[in-house]
Amino acid sequence: MKNRFWIAANIIFDLKTGDKREILTLVNHEIDATFFKKDEAENYKKFVAQRADNIEWFVDETNLRGKGLYVIRGEQNA
């Protein structure tokens, strides 16, 4: 059995300072993932793969919101 999840990219603003932080989170459904252009998805995949070595990462083309968009999917043995 495998656990499957996708990457969602979010921006968080600190209300006191106004500082912006970019955050990557894991979501349970592809529709909740962030949709990227292929080169962006490959770059993010490389970034997370270096930090989560017990997860296998994939860049998948998705048709949920049109053509030419990609999501990052992770799989982990359960």
N, C-alpha and C. Protein backbone atom coordinates (compact mmCIF):
# COMPACT_ATOMS: atom_id res chain seq x y z
N MET A 1 0.84 -1.18 0.00
CA MET A 1 0.00 0.00 0.00
C MET A 1 0.89 1.25 0.00
N LYS A 2 0.44 2.27 -0.69
CA LYS A 2 1.19 3.52 -0.76
C LYS A 2 0.33 4.69 -0.33
N ASN A 3 0.94 5.61 0.37
CA ASN A 3 0.31 6.89 0.65
C ASN A 3 0.60 7.79 -0.53
N ARG A 4 -0.40 8.50 -1.02
CA ARG A 4 -0.23 9.44 -2.14
C ARG A 4 -0.64 10.82 -1.69
N PHE A 5 0.15 11.80 -2.10
CA PHE A 5 -0.18 13.18 -1.80
C PHE A 5 0.44 14.07 -2.86
N TRP A 6 0.02 15.32 -2.86
CA TRP A 6 0.47 16.28 -3.87
C TRP A 6 0.98 17.53 -3.16
N ILE A 7 1.75 18.32 -3.89
CA ILE A 7 2.32 19.55 -3.34
C ILE A 7 1.41 20.74 -3.65
N ALA A 8 1.18 21.55 -2.63
CA ALA A 8 0.48 22.82 -2.80
C ALA A 8 1.42 23.93 -2.34
N ALA A 9 1.58 24.95 -3.15
CA ALA A 9 2.42 26.09 -2.80
C ALA A 9 1.52 27.21 -2.29
N ASN A 10 1.87 27.77 -1.14
CA ASN A 10 1.08 28.83 -0.53
C ASN A 10 1.97 29.99 -0.15
N ILE A 11 1.39 31.16 -0.04
CA ILE A 11 2.09 32.33 0.45
C ILE A 11 1.43 32.75 1.74
N ILE A 12 2.25 32.99 2.76
CA ILE A 12 1.77 33.42 4.07
C ILE A 12 2.35 34.79 4.37
N PHE A 13 1.49 35.70 4.83
CA PHE A 13 1.92 37.04 5.20
C PHE A 13 1.84 37.20 6.71
N ASP A 14 2.90 37.72 7.31
CA ASP A 14 2.90 38.05 8.73
C ASP A 14 2.16 39.36 8.91
N LEU A 15 1.09 39.36 9.68
CA LEU A 15 0.25 40.55 9.83
C LEU A 15 0.96 41.69 10.56
N LYS A 16 1.91 41.37 11.43
CA LYS A 16 2.62 42.42 12.16
C LYS A 16 3.71 43.07 11.31
N THR A 17 4.47 42.26 10.62
CA THR A 17 5.64 42.79 9.90
C THR A 17 5.40 42.96 8.41
N GLY A 18 4.41 42.25 7.88
CA GLY A 18 4.17 42.28 6.44
C GLY A 18 5.09 41.35 5.67
N ASP A 19 5.96 40.63 6.39
CA ASP A 19 6.87 39.69 5.72
C ASP A 19 6.09 38.61 5.00
N LYS A 20 6.62 38.22 3.86
CA LYS A 20 5.99 37.17 3.04
C LYS A 20 6.84 35.92 3.14
N ARG A 21 6.18 34.77 3.28
CA ARG A 21 6.86 33.47 3.27
C ARG A 21 6.16 32.57 2.28
N GLU A 22 6.96 31.87 1.49
CA GLU A 22 6.41 30.87 0.57
C GLU A 22 6.52 29.51 1.25
N ILE A 23 5.41 28.80 1.30
CA ILE A 23 5.31 27.54 2.02
C ILE A 23 4.83 26.44 1.06
N LEU A 24 5.46 25.29 1.13
CA LEU A 24 4.97 24.12 0.41
C LEU A 24 4.30 23.19 1.41
N THR A 25 3.10 22.73 1.10
CA THR A 25 2.38 21.81 1.96
C THR A 25 1.98 20.57 1.17
N LEU A 26 1.62 19.54 1.89
CA LEU A 26 1.13 18.32 1.26
C LEU A 26 -0.39 18.31 1.36
N VAL A 27 -1.04 17.96 0.26
CA VAL A 27 -2.50 17.86 0.23
C VAL A 27 -2.90 16.45 -0.21
N ASN A 28 -4.12 16.07 0.10
CA ASN A 28 -4.56 14.70 -0.13
C ASN A 28 -5.20 14.44 -1.48
N HIS A 29 -5.49 15.49 -2.25
CA HIS A 29 -6.17 15.32 -3.52
C HIS A 29 -5.51 16.17 -4.60
N GLU A 30 -5.42 15.63 -5.78
CA GLU A 30 -4.78 16.34 -6.89
C GLU A 30 -5.44 17.69 -7.16
N ILE A 31 -6.74 17.77 -7.03
CA ILE A 31 -7.45 19.02 -7.32
C ILE A 31 -7.01 20.14 -6.36
N ASP A 32 -6.50 19.79 -5.19
CA ASP A 32 -6.04 20.78 -4.22
C ASP A 32 -4.58 21.18 -4.41
N ALA A 33 -3.90 20.49 -5.31
CA ALA A 33 -2.48 20.78 -5.57
C ALA A 33 -2.32 22.08 -6.35
N THR A 34 -1.14 22.62 -6.32
CA THR A 34 -0.82 23.78 -7.15
C THR A 34 -0.45 23.28 -8.53
N PHE A 35 -0.94 23.99 -9.54
CA PHE A 35 -0.68 23.63 -10.93
C PHE A 35 0.47 24.50 -11.43
N PHE A 36 1.48 23.83 -12.01
CA PHE A 36 2.70 24.50 -12.44
C PHE A 36 2.92 24.31 -13.93
N LYS A 37 3.77 25.16 -14.50
CA LYS A 37 4.36 24.87 -15.80
C LYS A 37 5.40 23.80 -15.56
N LYS A 38 5.75 23.05 -16.60
CA LYS A 38 6.60 21.87 -16.41
C LYS A 38 7.95 22.22 -15.77
N ASP A 39 8.61 23.28 -16.24
CA ASP A 39 9.93 23.61 -15.69
C ASP A 39 9.84 24.02 -14.22
N GLU A 40 8.78 24.72 -13.84
CA GLU A 40 8.58 25.08 -12.43
C GLU A 40 8.38 23.83 -11.58
N ALA A 41 7.55 22.90 -12.08
CA ALA A 41 7.29 21.66 -11.36
C ALA A 41 8.56 20.86 -11.16
N GLU A 42 9.39 20.78 -12.18
CA GLU A 42 10.66 20.04 -12.07
C GLU A 42 11.56 20.67 -11.02
N ASN A 43 11.62 22.01 -10.98
CA ASN A 43 12.45 22.70 -9.99
C ASN A 43 11.95 22.46 -8.57
N TYR A 44 10.64 22.55 -8.36
CA TYR A 44 10.08 22.28 -7.03
C TYR A 44 10.28 20.82 -6.64
N LYS A 45 10.12 19.93 -7.58
CA LYS A 45 10.33 18.50 -7.30
C LYS A 45 11.76 18.26 -6.82
N LYS A 46 12.70 18.85 -7.50
CA LYS A 46 14.11 18.70 -7.11
C LYS A 46 14.32 19.24 -5.70
N PHE A 47 13.72 20.38 -5.40
CA PHE A 47 13.84 20.99 -4.07
C PHE A 47 13.32 20.06 -2.98
N VAL A 48 12.09 19.52 -3.15
CA VAL A 48 11.51 18.68 -2.11
C VAL A 48 12.17 17.31 -2.04
N ALA A 49 12.63 16.79 -3.17
CA ALA A 49 13.27 15.47 -3.18
C ALA A 49 14.56 15.46 -2.35
N GLN A 50 15.25 16.59 -2.31
CA GLN A 50 16.47 16.69 -1.51
C GLN A 50 16.16 16.74 -0.02
N ARG A 51 14.95 17.05 0.35
CA ARG A 51 14.59 17.22 1.75
C ARG A 51 13.71 16.11 2.30
N ALA A 52 13.11 15.32 1.44
CA ALA A 52 12.24 14.22 1.86
C ALA A 52 12.65 12.97 1.11
N ASP A 53 13.72 12.35 1.56
CA ASP A 53 14.30 11.24 0.81
C ASP A 53 13.55 9.93 0.95
N ASN A 54 12.60 9.81 1.86
CA ASN A 54 11.83 8.57 2.00
C ASN A 54 10.54 8.59 1.17
N ILE A 55 10.44 9.59 0.28
CA ILE A 55 9.27 9.74 -0.58
C ILE A 55 9.73 9.75 -2.03
N GLU A 56 9.01 9.04 -2.88
CA GLU A 56 9.30 9.07 -4.32
C GLU A 56 8.43 10.15 -4.94
N TRP A 57 9.07 11.05 -5.72
CA TRP A 57 8.38 12.21 -6.28
C TRP A 57 8.23 12.09 -7.78
N PHE A 58 7.10 12.59 -8.30
CA PHE A 58 6.80 12.54 -9.72
C PHE A 58 6.23 13.88 -10.17
N VAL A 59 6.48 14.25 -11.40
CA VAL A 59 5.82 15.40 -12.03
C VAL A 59 4.84 14.81 -13.03
N ASP A 60 3.55 15.07 -12.81
CA ASP A 60 2.49 14.51 -13.65
C ASP A 60 1.77 15.62 -14.40
N GLU A 61 1.51 15.39 -15.66
CA GLU A 61 0.64 16.32 -16.39
C GLU A 61 -0.78 16.12 -15.89
N THR A 62 -1.50 17.21 -15.73
CA THR A 62 -2.87 17.13 -15.26
C THR A 62 -3.78 17.82 -16.26
N ASN A 63 -4.98 17.34 -16.37
CA ASN A 63 -5.98 17.95 -17.25
C ASN A 63 -7.13 18.56 -16.45
N LEU A 64 -6.93 18.72 -15.15
CA LEU A 64 -8.01 19.21 -14.30
C LEU A 64 -8.35 20.67 -14.57
N ARG A 65 -7.39 21.45 -15.05
CA ARG A 65 -7.64 22.88 -15.31
C ARG A 65 -7.06 23.30 -16.65
N GLY A 66 -7.10 22.43 -17.63
CA GLY A 66 -6.58 22.76 -18.94
C GLY A 66 -5.31 21.99 -19.26
N LYS A 67 -4.82 22.20 -20.46
CA LYS A 67 -3.64 21.46 -20.93
C LYS A 67 -2.37 22.21 -20.57
N GLY A 68 -1.27 21.47 -20.53
CA GLY A 68 0.04 22.07 -20.31
C GLY A 68 0.34 22.43 -18.86
N LEU A 69 -0.40 21.85 -17.92
CA LEU A 69 -0.17 22.10 -16.51
C LEU A 69 0.26 20.82 -15.82
N TYR A 70 1.06 20.98 -14.77
CA TYR A 70 1.65 19.83 -14.09
C TYR A 70 1.48 19.95 -12.59
N VAL A 71 1.43 18.80 -11.93
CA VAL A 71 1.38 18.73 -10.47
C VAL A 71 2.54 17.86 -10.01
N ILE A 72 2.88 18.01 -8.74
CA ILE A 72 3.94 17.20 -8.15
C ILE A 72 3.27 16.22 -7.19
N ARG A 73 3.48 14.94 -7.45
CA ARG A 73 2.88 13.86 -6.65
C ARG A 73 3.96 13.14 -5.89
N GLY A 74 3.68 12.82 -4.63
CA GLY A 74 4.59 12.02 -3.83
C GLY A 74 3.94 10.70 -3.46
N GLU A 75 4.77 9.68 -3.36
CA GLU A 75 4.30 8.36 -2.91
C GLU A 75 5.25 7.84 -1.86
N GLN A 76 4.66 7.25 -0.84
CA GLN A 76 5.42 6.71 0.27
C GLN A 76 4.83 5.36 0.64
N ASN A 77 5.69 4.39 0.85
CA ASN A 77 5.20 3.07 1.27
C ASN A 77 4.60 3.17 2.66
N ALA A 78 3.43 2.54 2.81
CA ALA A 78 2.74 2.57 4.11
C ALA A 78 3.04 1.32 4.88
